[in-house]
């Protein structure tokens, strides 16, 4: 997985906070040290397709 955080997303720390993914985990994925497991990959797919809805669900 080369890019976890979408290019149009301001900062990895904001992405991490908004979607409740530890920043160290995101950095590990982006730097190729680790790969998301099946659950995380599915979550990232949902974020990619429904980012606003995912944020709204987490904020409620």
N, C-alpha and C. Protein backbone atom coordinates (compact mmCIF):
# COMPACT_ATOMS: atom_id res chain seq x y z
N UNK A 1 0.86 -1.17 0.00
CA UNK A 1 0.00 0.00 0.00
C UNK A 1 0.90 1.22 0.00
N UNK A 2 0.86 1.97 -1.06
CA UNK A 2 1.74 3.12 -1.20
C UNK A 2 1.18 4.33 -0.48
N UNK A 3 -0.04 4.70 -0.78
CA UNK A 3 -0.62 5.90 -0.16
C UNK A 3 -1.87 5.52 0.61
N UNK A 4 -1.86 5.75 1.88
CA UNK A 4 -3.02 5.45 2.71
C UNK A 4 -3.89 6.70 2.81
N UNK A 5 -3.25 7.82 3.06
CA UNK A 5 -3.98 9.08 3.22
C UNK A 5 -4.20 9.67 1.84
N UNK A 6 -5.45 9.99 1.48
CA UNK A 6 -5.70 10.58 0.17
C UNK A 6 -4.92 11.88 0.00
N UNK A 7 -4.50 12.16 -1.25
CA UNK A 7 -3.70 13.35 -1.53
C UNK A 7 -4.41 14.64 -1.11
N UNK A 8 -5.72 14.67 -1.22
CA UNK A 8 -6.44 15.89 -0.90
C UNK A 8 -6.70 16.05 0.60
N UNK A 9 -6.24 15.10 1.40
CA UNK A 9 -6.43 15.21 2.84
C UNK A 9 -5.28 16.01 3.42
N UNK A 10 -5.58 17.03 4.26
CA UNK A 10 -4.57 18.00 4.68
C UNK A 10 -3.31 17.42 5.32
N UNK A 11 -3.44 16.61 6.34
CA UNK A 11 -2.27 16.13 7.07
C UNK A 11 -2.58 14.74 7.63
N UNK A 12 -1.56 13.90 7.63
CA UNK A 12 -1.76 12.53 8.14
C UNK A 12 -2.28 12.53 9.56
N UNK A 13 -1.82 13.47 10.39
CA UNK A 13 -2.28 13.53 11.78
C UNK A 13 -3.78 13.82 11.85
N UNK A 14 -4.26 14.68 10.97
CA UNK A 14 -5.70 14.97 10.94
C UNK A 14 -6.48 13.75 10.49
N UNK A 15 -5.96 13.04 9.48
CA UNK A 15 -6.60 11.82 9.00
C UNK A 15 -6.66 10.79 10.12
N UNK A 16 -5.54 10.64 10.80
CA UNK A 16 -5.45 9.70 11.91
C UNK A 16 -6.50 10.00 12.97
N UNK A 17 -6.60 11.25 13.34
CA UNK A 17 -7.55 11.66 14.36
C UNK A 17 -9.00 11.50 13.89
N UNK A 18 -9.27 11.93 12.67
CA UNK A 18 -10.64 11.88 12.15
C UNK A 18 -11.17 10.46 12.06
N UNK A 19 -10.31 9.53 11.67
CA UNK A 19 -10.76 8.15 11.45
C UNK A 19 -10.31 7.18 12.53
N UNK A 20 -9.71 7.73 13.59
CA UNK A 20 -9.32 6.94 14.76
C UNK A 20 -8.36 5.79 14.43
N UNK A 21 -7.37 6.13 13.61
CA UNK A 21 -6.32 5.18 13.27
C UNK A 21 -5.04 5.75 13.87
N UNK A 22 -4.33 5.00 14.68
CA UNK A 22 -3.10 5.53 15.27
C UNK A 22 -2.13 6.03 14.20
N UNK A 23 -1.54 7.20 14.45
CA UNK A 23 -0.62 7.80 13.49
C UNK A 23 0.55 6.87 13.19
N UNK A 24 1.06 6.19 14.19
CA UNK A 24 2.18 5.26 13.96
C UNK A 24 1.77 4.14 13.00
N UNK A 25 0.52 3.70 13.09
CA UNK A 25 0.02 2.67 12.18
C UNK A 25 -0.01 3.20 10.75
N UNK A 26 -0.55 4.41 10.57
CA UNK A 26 -0.60 5.01 9.24
C UNK A 26 0.81 5.14 8.65
N UNK A 27 1.73 5.63 9.46
CA UNK A 27 3.10 5.81 8.98
C UNK A 27 3.73 4.47 8.60
N UNK A 28 3.46 3.45 9.38
CA UNK A 28 3.98 2.12 9.07
C UNK A 28 3.46 1.61 7.73
N UNK A 29 2.18 1.83 7.47
CA UNK A 29 1.59 1.43 6.20
C UNK A 29 2.21 2.22 5.06
N UNK A 30 2.30 3.53 5.23
CA UNK A 30 2.81 4.38 4.16
C UNK A 30 4.28 4.11 3.86
N UNK A 31 5.05 3.77 4.85
CA UNK A 31 6.47 3.52 4.66
C UNK A 31 6.76 2.08 4.27
N UNK A 32 5.71 1.27 4.15
CA UNK A 32 5.87 -0.10 3.69
C UNK A 32 6.41 -1.07 4.74
N UNK A 33 6.49 -0.63 5.99
CA UNK A 33 6.97 -1.53 7.04
C UNK A 33 5.90 -2.55 7.42
N UNK A 34 4.66 -2.18 7.23
CA UNK A 34 3.54 -3.06 7.58
C UNK A 34 2.47 -2.93 6.51
N UNK A 35 1.57 -3.91 6.49
CA UNK A 35 0.42 -3.89 5.59
C UNK A 35 -0.84 -3.94 6.44
N UNK A 36 -1.89 -3.24 6.03
CA UNK A 36 -3.15 -3.34 6.78
C UNK A 36 -3.69 -4.76 6.72
N UNK A 37 -4.26 -5.22 7.84
CA UNK A 37 -4.91 -6.52 7.81
C UNK A 37 -6.23 -6.39 7.05
N UNK A 38 -6.96 -7.47 6.91
CA UNK A 38 -8.18 -7.46 6.11
C UNK A 38 -9.21 -6.46 6.63
N UNK A 39 -9.35 -6.38 7.94
CA UNK A 39 -10.32 -5.46 8.53
C UNK A 39 -9.92 -4.01 8.26
N UNK A 40 -8.65 -3.69 8.45
CA UNK A 40 -8.16 -2.33 8.21
C UNK A 40 -8.27 -1.97 6.73
N UNK A 41 -7.97 -2.92 5.85
CA UNK A 41 -8.07 -2.67 4.41
C UNK A 41 -9.52 -2.39 4.02
N UNK A 42 -10.46 -3.11 4.61
CA UNK A 42 -11.88 -2.86 4.34
C UNK A 42 -12.28 -1.48 4.84
N UNK A 43 -11.82 -1.11 6.04
CA UNK A 43 -12.11 0.21 6.61
C UNK A 43 -11.55 1.31 5.72
N UNK A 44 -10.32 1.14 5.23
CA UNK A 44 -9.73 2.13 4.34
C UNK A 44 -10.52 2.26 3.04
N UNK A 45 -11.05 1.16 2.56
CA UNK A 45 -11.87 1.18 1.36
C UNK A 45 -13.16 1.98 1.59
N UNK A 46 -13.77 1.79 2.75
CA UNK A 46 -14.97 2.55 3.10
C UNK A 46 -14.63 4.03 3.20
N UNK A 47 -13.52 4.36 3.84
CA UNK A 47 -13.10 5.76 3.96
C UNK A 47 -12.89 6.37 2.58
N UNK A 48 -12.27 5.61 1.68
CA UNK A 48 -12.01 6.11 0.34
C UNK A 48 -13.30 6.44 -0.40
N UNK A 49 -14.30 5.57 -0.25
CA UNK A 49 -15.55 5.75 -1.00
C UNK A 49 -16.57 6.63 -0.29
N UNK A 50 -16.56 6.63 1.04
CA UNK A 50 -17.58 7.34 1.82
C UNK A 50 -16.93 8.13 2.96
N UNK A 51 -15.98 8.97 2.64
CA UNK A 51 -15.22 9.65 3.69
C UNK A 51 -16.08 10.54 4.57
N UNK A 52 -16.94 11.34 3.98
CA UNK A 52 -17.78 12.24 4.79
C UNK A 52 -18.73 11.46 5.68
N UNK A 53 -19.31 10.41 5.12
CA UNK A 53 -20.25 9.60 5.89
C UNK A 53 -19.55 8.87 7.03
N UNK A 54 -18.33 8.41 6.77
CA UNK A 54 -17.57 7.71 7.80
C UNK A 54 -17.23 8.67 8.95
N UNK A 55 -16.77 9.87 8.59
CA UNK A 55 -16.47 10.88 9.64
C UNK A 55 -17.71 11.20 10.44
N UNK A 56 -18.85 11.39 9.76
CA UNK A 56 -20.09 11.71 10.45
C UNK A 56 -20.49 10.59 11.42
N UNK A 57 -20.35 9.36 10.99
CA UNK A 57 -20.70 8.23 11.84
C UNK A 57 -19.81 8.18 13.09
N UNK A 58 -18.53 8.49 12.91
CA UNK A 58 -17.61 8.47 14.05
C UNK A 58 -17.82 9.65 15.00
N UNK A 59 -18.34 10.74 14.49
CA UNK A 59 -18.57 11.92 15.32
C UNK A 59 -19.85 11.83 16.14
N UNK A 60 -20.76 10.96 15.74
CA UNK A 60 -22.05 10.89 16.45
C UNK A 60 -21.99 9.99 17.66
